[in-house]
Amino acid sequence: MNDPVLGDAEIVQIGMSIVVMMAMPYATASGAHIRVDIFDRKIGCWGRFLGDALARSLGAYILFLLIRKTWDKALDAHEYGDVTNMIEIPVWIAYGAITIGMGGYAVVLIVQLVRQFLSGVKDYE
């Protein structure tokens, strides 16, 4: 009863990287992220519109830069057979999940940006 489970931390770490990164695109698409709208009334429709456009554009750009890095890291981990220390879970699985999750997140941001520009500024929220 007093024996720890072998590799429990590794299972949790790899599992959480998969769960969290796969949930990011859905959370973004459904508007589940926390937003603070302190300045919304002061900056008006144009300010909100431009702020959201800038945030989505920069976010997508930064995500694409990170995707390139994690994709390379996933390929390296797969090529060299990198595994975790205790129970030897292949590390490329976590890197792949991170890459796919960030890719989905970037796609959602781009779709939101396109919809934003198609709908225009009138009564923007």
Protein backbone atom coordinates (compact mmCIF):
# COMPACT_ATOMS: atom_id res chain seq x y z
CA MET A 1 0.00 0.00 0.00
CA ASN A 2 2.92 2.36 0.53
CA ASP A 3 4.55 1.79 -2.87
CA PRO A 4 4.37 4.67 -5.36
CA VAL A 5 3.18 3.99 -8.89
CA LEU A 6 6.17 3.73 -11.19
CA GLY A 7 6.26 6.62 -13.67
CA ASP A 8 3.13 8.34 -12.42
CA ALA A 9 4.64 11.80 -12.90
CA GLU A 10 5.55 10.97 -16.50
CA ILE A 11 2.06 9.72 -17.27
CA VAL A 12 0.55 12.89 -15.80
CA GLN A 13 2.98 15.19 -17.63
CA ILE A 14 2.52 13.59 -21.04
CA GLY A 15 -1.22 13.22 -20.51
CA MET A 16 -1.65 16.83 -19.45
CA SER A 17 0.33 18.12 -22.42
CA ILE A 18 -1.99 16.18 -24.71
CA VAL A 19 -5.22 17.19 -22.95
CA VAL A 20 -4.37 20.87 -22.53
CA MET A 21 -3.04 21.43 -26.03
CA MET A 22 -5.92 19.60 -27.69
CA ALA A 23 -8.40 21.69 -25.68
CA MET A 24 -6.88 25.05 -26.67
CA PRO A 25 -8.52 25.32 -30.13
CA TYR A 26 -11.94 24.42 -28.70
CA ALA A 27 -11.59 26.87 -25.82
CA THR A 28 -10.68 29.63 -28.27
CA ALA A 29 -13.48 28.82 -30.70
CA SER A 30 -16.11 28.70 -27.95
CA GLY A 31 -14.91 31.90 -26.26
CA ALA A 32 -13.98 30.14 -23.02
CA HIS A 33 -10.83 32.18 -22.42
CA ILE A 34 -10.85 34.79 -19.70
CA ARG A 35 -11.17 38.34 -21.06
CA VAL A 36 -10.77 41.57 -19.20
CA ASP A 37 -12.67 44.41 -20.82
CA ILE A 38 -11.65 47.33 -18.65
CA PHE A 39 -11.18 49.75 -21.53
CA ASP A 40 -14.00 48.61 -23.83
CA ARG A 41 -16.26 51.58 -23.16
CA LYS A 42 -13.42 54.08 -23.47
CA ILE A 43 -11.95 52.81 -26.74
CA GLY A 44 -15.27 52.21 -28.51
CA CYS A 45 -16.08 49.89 -31.39
CA TRP A 46 -13.04 50.85 -33.47
CA GLY A 47 -10.66 50.34 -30.58
CA ARG A 48 -12.08 46.92 -29.77
CA PHE A 49 -12.07 45.97 -33.44
CA LEU A 50 -8.45 47.01 -33.97
CA GLY A 51 -7.33 45.54 -30.65
CA ASP A 52 -8.88 42.17 -31.42
CA ALA A 53 -7.49 42.21 -34.96
CA LEU A 54 -4.01 42.99 -33.66
CA ALA A 55 -4.21 40.35 -30.91
CA ARG A 56 -5.44 37.64 -33.29
CA SER A 57 -2.87 38.52 -35.96
CA LEU A 58 0.06 38.58 -33.55
CA GLY A 59 -1.19 35.46 -31.82
CA ALA A 60 -1.42 33.50 -35.07
CA TYR A 61 2.01 34.70 -36.19
CA ILE A 62 3.68 33.75 -32.90
CA LEU A 63 1.91 30.39 -32.91
CA PHE A 64 3.22 29.64 -36.42
CA LEU A 65 6.76 30.42 -35.23
CA LEU A 66 6.29 28.08 -32.27
CA ILE A 67 4.77 25.40 -34.48
CA ARG A 68 7.89 25.34 -36.63
CA LYS A 69 10.06 24.84 -33.54
CA THR A 70 7.91 22.15 -31.92
CA TRP A 71 7.53 20.32 -35.24
CA ASP A 72 11.32 20.18 -35.57
CA LYS A 73 11.59 19.06 -31.94
CA ALA A 74 8.98 16.32 -32.51
CA LEU A 75 10.86 15.06 -35.56
CA ASP A 76 14.16 15.06 -33.66
CA ALA A 77 12.62 13.22 -30.70
CA HIS A 78 11.16 10.62 -33.06
CA GLU A 79 14.39 10.23 -35.02
CA TYR A 80 16.56 9.80 -31.94
CA GLY A 81 14.02 7.69 -30.04
CA ASP A 82 13.76 10.07 -27.07
CA VAL A 83 11.72 8.59 -24.23
CA THR A 84 10.87 9.53 -20.65
CA ASN A 85 13.15 8.33 -17.85
CA MET A 86 11.07 5.83 -15.89
CA ILE A 87 8.64 4.06 -18.17
CA GLU A 88 10.01 5.16 -21.53
CA ILE A 89 7.01 6.92 -23.05
CA PRO A 90 8.03 8.33 -26.45
CA VAL A 91 8.48 12.08 -26.04
CA TRP A 92 7.51 12.85 -29.63
CA ILE A 93 3.89 12.14 -28.65
CA ALA A 94 3.84 15.20 -26.38
CA TYR A 95 5.62 17.37 -28.94
CA GLY A 96 3.19 16.20 -31.61
CA ALA A 97 0.20 17.05 -29.42
CA ILE A 98 1.66 20.48 -28.70
CA THR A 99 2.24 21.07 -32.42
CA ILE A 100 -1.26 19.94 -33.42
CA GLY A 101 -2.90 21.91 -30.62
CA MET A 102 -1.05 25.11 -31.49
CA GLY A 103 -1.87 24.56 -35.16
CA GLY A 104 -5.55 24.24 -34.36
CA TYR A 105 -5.36 27.32 -32.15
CA ALA A 106 -3.74 29.32 -34.98
CA VAL A 107 -6.38 28.17 -37.46
CA VAL A 108 -9.16 29.23 -35.07
CA LEU A 109 -7.53 32.66 -34.65
CA ILE A 110 -7.29 33.11 -38.43
CA VAL A 111 -10.92 32.07 -38.92
CA GLN A 112 -11.98 34.50 -36.20
CA LEU A 113 -9.94 37.25 -37.84
CA VAL A 114 -11.53 36.63 -41.24
CA ARG A 115 -15.02 36.60 -39.71
CA GLN A 116 -14.20 39.78 -37.84
CA PHE A 117 -13.22 41.62 -41.02
CA LEU A 118 -16.19 40.24 -42.94
CA SER A 119 -18.64 41.41 -40.29
CA GLY A 120 -17.09 44.88 -40.04
CA VAL A 121 -16.89 47.39 -37.23
CA LYS A 122 -20.57 48.30 -36.86
CA ASP A 123 -21.72 47.29 -33.35
CA TYR A 124 -18.54 45.28 -32.84
CA GLU A 125 -18.38 43.31 -29.62
